[in-house]
N, C-alpha and C. Protein backbone atom coordinates (compact mmCIF):
# COMPACT_ATOMS: atom_id res chain seq x y z
N MET A 1 -41.57 -27.05 -6.54
CA MET A 1 -40.44 -26.45 -6.15
C MET A 1 -39.53 -27.52 -6.33
N GLY A 2 -37.98 -27.43 -6.83
CA GLY A 2 -37.24 -28.67 -7.17
C GLY A 2 -35.91 -28.52 -6.01
N ARG A 3 -35.37 -29.41 -6.03
CA ARG A 3 -34.47 -29.91 -4.48
C ARG A 3 -33.19 -29.02 -5.00
N ASN A 4 -32.69 -28.84 -3.52
CA ASN A 4 -31.01 -28.02 -3.94
C ASN A 4 -30.02 -28.34 -3.99
N PRO A 5 -29.54 -28.53 -5.14
CA PRO A 5 -28.41 -29.57 -5.81
C PRO A 5 -27.34 -29.81 -4.63
N ASP A 6 -26.78 -29.04 -3.97
CA ASP A 6 -26.31 -29.48 -2.83
C ASP A 6 -26.76 -30.19 -1.92
N ASP A 7 -28.02 -30.65 -1.93
CA ASP A 7 -28.62 -31.96 -1.01
C ASP A 7 -28.39 -32.96 -1.80
N MET A 8 -28.93 -32.67 -3.45
CA MET A 8 -28.79 -34.09 -4.20
C MET A 8 -27.75 -35.16 -4.12
N PHE A 9 -26.64 -33.96 -4.68
CA PHE A 9 -25.00 -34.69 -4.55
C PHE A 9 -24.50 -34.79 -3.09
N GLY A 10 -25.07 -34.69 -2.22
CA GLY A 10 -24.90 -35.09 -0.91
C GLY A 10 -25.53 -36.33 -0.77
N ASP A 11 -26.55 -36.41 -1.85
CA ASP A 11 -27.55 -37.81 -0.98
C ASP A 11 -26.72 -39.15 -1.93
N GLU A 12 -26.57 -39.83 -1.58
CA GLU A 12 -25.86 -41.12 -2.05
C GLU A 12 -26.52 -41.89 -2.79
N ASN A 13 -28.37 -41.57 -2.49
CA ASN A 13 -28.87 -42.51 -3.40
C ASN A 13 -29.88 -41.47 -4.81
N THR A 14 -29.17 -40.36 -5.22
CA THR A 14 -29.38 -39.43 -5.97
C THR A 14 -28.97 -40.24 -7.29
N PRO A 15 -30.12 -41.00 -8.52
CA PRO A 15 -29.57 -41.07 -9.67
C PRO A 15 -28.80 -40.48 -10.70
N ALA A 16 -27.45 -40.17 -10.26
CA ALA A 16 -26.57 -38.84 -10.86
C ALA A 16 -25.78 -39.26 -11.99
N TYR A 17 -25.78 -40.71 -12.42
CA TYR A 17 -24.36 -41.49 -12.93
C TYR A 17 -25.10 -42.05 -14.25
N THR A 18 -24.64 -41.79 -15.61
CA THR A 18 -25.42 -42.84 -16.66
C THR A 18 -24.71 -44.06 -16.51
N ILE A 19 -25.38 -45.02 -17.54
CA ILE A 19 -24.21 -46.03 -17.23
C ILE A 19 -22.87 -46.05 -17.84
N GLY A 20 -22.46 -44.99 -19.17
CA GLY A 20 -21.51 -45.24 -19.19
C GLY A 20 -20.40 -44.36 -18.51
N GLN A 21 -21.18 -43.21 -17.56
CA GLN A 21 -20.16 -43.11 -16.33
C GLN A 21 -19.66 -43.85 -15.68
N ALA A 22 -20.81 -44.94 -15.13
CA ALA A 22 -20.55 -45.92 -14.25
C ALA A 22 -19.24 -46.47 -14.37
N ALA A 23 -19.46 -47.32 -15.88
CA ALA A 23 -18.88 -48.53 -16.54
C ALA A 23 -17.23 -47.84 -16.07
N GLU A 24 -17.01 -46.28 -16.55
CA GLU A 24 -16.32 -45.84 -16.99
C GLU A 24 -15.26 -45.99 -14.88
N MET A 25 -16.08 -45.12 -14.36
CA MET A 25 -15.75 -45.06 -13.28
C MET A 25 -15.45 -45.78 -12.67
N LEU A 26 -15.99 -47.32 -12.48
CA LEU A 26 -15.92 -48.68 -11.88
C LEU A 26 -14.58 -49.29 -12.93
N GLY A 27 -14.02 -48.96 -14.03
CA GLY A 27 -13.24 -50.02 -14.97
C GLY A 27 -14.08 -50.78 -15.53
N THR A 28 -15.36 -50.94 -15.37
CA THR A 28 -15.75 -51.97 -16.20
C THR A 28 -16.36 -52.22 -17.57
N THR A 29 -17.61 -52.64 -17.69
CA THR A 29 -18.06 -52.50 -18.96
C THR A 29 -19.73 -52.38 -18.59
N GLN A 30 -20.53 -51.99 -19.85
CA GLN A 30 -21.86 -51.52 -19.14
C GLN A 30 -22.58 -52.70 -19.49
N ASP A 31 -22.20 -53.68 -20.35
CA ASP A 31 -22.65 -55.24 -19.92
C ASP A 31 -22.75 -55.93 -18.42
N PHE A 32 -21.46 -55.52 -17.62
CA PHE A 32 -21.35 -56.14 -16.49
C PHE A 32 -22.59 -55.27 -15.62
N LEU A 33 -22.73 -53.65 -15.74
CA LEU A 33 -24.00 -53.34 -15.07
C LEU A 33 -25.32 -53.83 -15.45
N ARG A 34 -25.22 -54.29 -16.70
CA ARG A 34 -26.55 -54.54 -16.82
C ARG A 34 -26.62 -55.93 -16.04
N ARG A 35 -25.65 -57.07 -16.30
CA ARG A 35 -25.74 -58.20 -15.76
C ARG A 35 -26.18 -58.11 -14.10
N LEU A 36 -25.76 -57.24 -13.49
CA LEU A 36 -26.13 -56.78 -12.12
C LEU A 36 -27.66 -56.32 -11.60
N ASP A 37 -27.84 -55.56 -12.94
CA ASP A 37 -29.36 -55.24 -13.00
C ASP A 37 -30.50 -56.72 -13.00
N GLU A 38 -29.77 -57.50 -14.08
CA GLU A 38 -30.57 -58.66 -14.14
C GLU A 38 -30.57 -59.73 -12.73
N ALA A 39 -29.44 -59.66 -11.99
CA ALA A 39 -29.00 -60.29 -10.68
C ALA A 39 -29.55 -59.99 -9.73
N LYS A 40 -30.86 -58.60 -9.96
CA LYS A 40 -30.98 -57.82 -9.12
C LYS A 40 -30.60 -57.58 -7.91
N LEU A 41 -28.88 -57.24 -8.04
CA LEU A 41 -28.21 -56.68 -7.30
C LEU A 41 -28.42 -55.29 -7.14
N ILE A 42 -28.92 -54.34 -8.26
CA ILE A 42 -28.63 -52.73 -8.38
C ILE A 42 -30.08 -52.85 -8.97
N ASN A 43 -30.61 -51.63 -8.98
CA ASN A 43 -32.15 -51.56 -9.85
C ASN A 43 -31.68 -50.25 -10.04
N PRO A 44 -31.12 -49.46 -10.67
CA PRO A 44 -31.13 -47.98 -11.52
C PRO A 44 -32.47 -47.75 -11.28
N HIS A 45 -32.34 -46.35 -11.61
CA HIS A 45 -33.37 -45.65 -11.56
C HIS A 45 -33.40 -45.29 -13.50
N ARG A 46 -34.37 -45.26 -13.89
CA ARG A 46 -34.62 -45.02 -15.36
C ARG A 46 -34.96 -43.69 -15.90
N SER A 47 -34.30 -42.77 -16.72
CA SER A 47 -34.73 -41.45 -17.10
C SER A 47 -35.95 -41.60 -17.76
N GLY A 48 -36.54 -40.58 -18.14
CA GLY A 48 -38.03 -40.72 -19.52
C GLY A 48 -37.35 -41.25 -20.71
N GLY A 49 -36.51 -41.64 -21.01
CA GLY A 49 -36.47 -42.04 -22.03
C GLY A 49 -35.86 -43.14 -21.83
N GLY A 50 -35.87 -44.22 -20.48
CA GLY A 50 -35.37 -45.53 -20.24
C GLY A 50 -34.14 -45.59 -20.04
N HIS A 51 -33.46 -44.39 -19.83
CA HIS A 51 -31.63 -45.07 -19.65
C HIS A 51 -31.66 -44.84 -18.64
N ARG A 52 -31.03 -45.81 -17.90
CA ARG A 52 -30.02 -45.98 -16.65
C ARG A 52 -29.65 -45.41 -16.00
N ARG A 53 -30.09 -44.69 -14.52
CA ARG A 53 -29.22 -43.63 -13.69
C ARG A 53 -28.65 -44.54 -12.30
N TYR A 54 -27.52 -44.05 -12.26
CA TYR A 54 -26.77 -45.03 -10.51
C TYR A 54 -26.76 -43.98 -9.78
N SER A 55 -26.82 -44.39 -8.66
CA SER A 55 -26.25 -43.41 -7.58
C SER A 55 -25.09 -44.03 -6.93
N ARG A 56 -24.59 -43.29 -6.20
CA ARG A 56 -23.04 -43.72 -5.84
C ARG A 56 -23.42 -44.86 -4.89
N TYR A 57 -24.53 -45.14 -4.25
CA TYR A 57 -24.97 -46.37 -3.19
C TYR A 57 -24.21 -47.57 -4.32
N GLN A 58 -25.18 -47.62 -5.31
CA GLN A 58 -25.37 -48.37 -6.18
C GLN A 58 -23.89 -48.80 -7.13
N LEU A 59 -22.83 -47.51 -7.38
CA LEU A 59 -21.86 -48.09 -7.87
C LEU A 59 -20.61 -48.41 -6.53
N ARG A 60 -21.09 -48.43 -5.09
CA ARG A 60 -20.12 -48.92 -4.25
C ARG A 60 -20.50 -50.38 -4.44
N LEU A 61 -21.90 -50.97 -4.57
CA LEU A 61 -22.29 -52.86 -4.69
C LEU A 61 -21.65 -52.70 -5.90
N ALA A 62 -21.60 -52.42 -6.91
CA ALA A 62 -20.94 -52.41 -8.54
C ALA A 62 -19.61 -52.90 -8.22
N ALA A 63 -19.42 -51.79 -7.56
CA ALA A 63 -17.56 -51.89 -7.35
C ALA A 63 -17.26 -53.30 -6.54
N ARG A 64 -17.87 -53.19 -5.48
CA ARG A 64 -17.64 -54.71 -4.61
C ARG A 64 -17.63 -55.72 -5.37
N ALA A 65 -19.12 -55.70 -6.38
CA ALA A 65 -19.32 -57.07 -7.09
C ALA A 65 -18.19 -57.38 -7.96
N ARG A 66 -17.78 -56.69 -8.72
CA ARG A 66 -16.35 -56.47 -9.17
C ARG A 66 -15.00 -56.83 -8.69
N GLU A 67 -15.26 -56.74 -7.84
CA GLU A 67 -14.03 -57.06 -6.67
C GLU A 67 -14.14 -58.77 -6.45
N MET A 68 -14.71 -59.18 -6.41
CA MET A 68 -15.71 -60.31 -5.97
C MET A 68 -15.51 -61.37 -7.42
N VAL A 69 -15.96 -61.23 -8.44
CA VAL A 69 -15.54 -61.83 -9.52
C VAL A 69 -14.67 -61.63 -10.38
N ASP A 70 -13.74 -60.57 -9.92
CA ASP A 70 -12.34 -60.56 -10.41
C ASP A 70 -11.38 -61.35 -9.20
N GLN A 71 -12.07 -62.10 -8.22
CA GLN A 71 -10.91 -62.78 -7.56
C GLN A 71 -11.86 -64.01 -7.70
N GLY A 72 -12.80 -64.51 -8.47
CA GLY A 72 -13.39 -65.68 -8.89
C GLY A 72 -14.47 -66.22 -8.17
N THR A 73 -15.21 -65.28 -7.91
CA THR A 73 -16.54 -65.80 -7.05
C THR A 73 -17.12 -65.48 -8.65
N ALA A 74 -18.33 -66.46 -8.51
CA ALA A 74 -19.10 -66.20 -9.70
C ALA A 74 -19.91 -65.25 -9.40
N LEU A 75 -20.71 -64.51 -10.56
CA LEU A 75 -21.21 -63.30 -10.53
C LEU A 75 -22.53 -63.53 -9.66
N GLU A 76 -23.69 -64.17 -9.62
CA GLU A 76 -24.61 -64.76 -9.12
C GLU A 76 -24.18 -64.98 -7.63
N ALA A 77 -23.32 -65.67 -7.32
CA ALA A 77 -23.27 -65.50 -5.74
C ALA A 77 -22.37 -64.55 -5.05
N ALA A 78 -21.96 -64.05 -6.04
CA ALA A 78 -21.23 -62.60 -5.31
C ALA A 78 -22.36 -61.12 -5.13
N CYS A 79 -23.39 -61.54 -6.01
CA CYS A 79 -24.15 -60.75 -5.75
C CYS A 79 -25.35 -60.99 -4.68
N ARG A 80 -25.87 -62.52 -4.28
CA ARG A 80 -26.14 -62.75 -3.36
C ARG A 80 -25.65 -62.82 -1.79
N ILE A 81 -24.44 -62.71 -1.80
CA ILE A 81 -23.14 -62.44 -1.07
C ILE A 81 -23.60 -60.94 -0.47
N ILE A 82 -23.56 -60.01 -1.61
CA ILE A 82 -23.55 -58.56 -1.34
C ILE A 82 -25.11 -57.99 -0.78
N ILE A 83 -26.36 -59.19 -1.31
CA ILE A 83 -27.65 -58.49 -0.60
C ILE A 83 -27.16 -58.80 0.60
N LEU A 84 -27.02 -60.19 0.88
CA LEU A 84 -27.41 -60.46 2.34
C LEU A 84 -26.32 -59.82 3.20
N GLU A 85 -25.11 -59.19 2.75
CA GLU A 85 -24.40 -58.06 3.53
C GLU A 85 -25.20 -57.26 4.12
N ASP A 86 -25.63 -56.49 3.20
CA ASP A 86 -26.49 -55.05 3.00
C ASP A 86 -27.88 -55.39 4.03
N GLN A 87 -28.16 -56.25 3.73
CA GLN A 87 -29.82 -57.18 4.67
C GLN A 87 -28.97 -57.08 6.18
N LEU A 88 -28.10 -57.35 6.26
CA LEU A 88 -27.43 -57.92 7.58
C LEU A 88 -26.99 -56.42 8.44
N GLU A 89 -26.42 -55.39 7.58
CA GLU A 89 -26.11 -54.38 8.45
C GLU A 89 -27.19 -53.60 8.32
N GLU A 90 -28.23 -53.86 7.37
CA GLU A 90 -29.76 -52.58 7.68
C GLU A 90 -30.24 -53.42 9.18
N ALA A 91 -30.36 -54.20 8.99
CA ALA A 91 -30.74 -55.26 10.52
C ALA A 91 -30.04 -54.57 11.66
N LEU A 92 -29.18 -54.68 11.75
CA LEU A 92 -27.69 -53.97 12.77
C LEU A 92 -28.18 -52.78 13.30
N ARG A 93 -28.48 -51.79 11.78
CA ARG A 93 -28.74 -50.34 12.14
C ARG A 93 -30.13 -50.23 13.11
N GLN A 94 -31.04 -50.91 12.53
CA GLN A 94 -32.24 -50.88 13.05
C GLN A 94 -32.18 -51.54 14.87
N ASN A 95 -31.69 -52.80 14.74
CA ASN A 95 -31.35 -53.01 16.66
C ASN A 95 -30.83 -52.10 17.13
N GLU A 96 -29.61 -51.09 16.29
CA GLU A 96 -29.27 -50.31 17.43
C GLU A 96 -30.14 -48.98 17.97
N LYS A 97 -30.92 -49.05 16.88
CA LYS A 97 -32.65 -47.62 17.06
C LYS A 97 -33.29 -47.78 18.63
N GLN A 98 -33.23 -49.29 18.77
CA GLN A 98 -34.27 -49.99 19.45
C GLN A 98 -34.02 -49.95 20.71
C-alpha cells in the first residue's frame, strides 16, 4: 500500500522536486545543483529514469550554499561548512535525547 500524500508532502525528506523546479525555486542554475551533488553536500534521489529529485531539506541546504557562495565563499568551503553545521546540529539533538 502506498503512502498517504498528506504524509509525503509533510515530510521534508520526500524527494518531490525535479532539478528544474529546484533551480527555479532557488533562483540558481541546474549546474549549480549538480556541483552541490559533486561536492557531496546533497545526494538527490534518482528516479527510475535517473533524473534527480530533491527534498525540501536538500533545497534548504542548497539555498544556504547559494547564499554563502553569493557572499564570496568558495563552493567547496561553503559545502564543508554546511556539512559540519549539520553534523553539529545532529550531535546536539542526540545529546538532548540522552
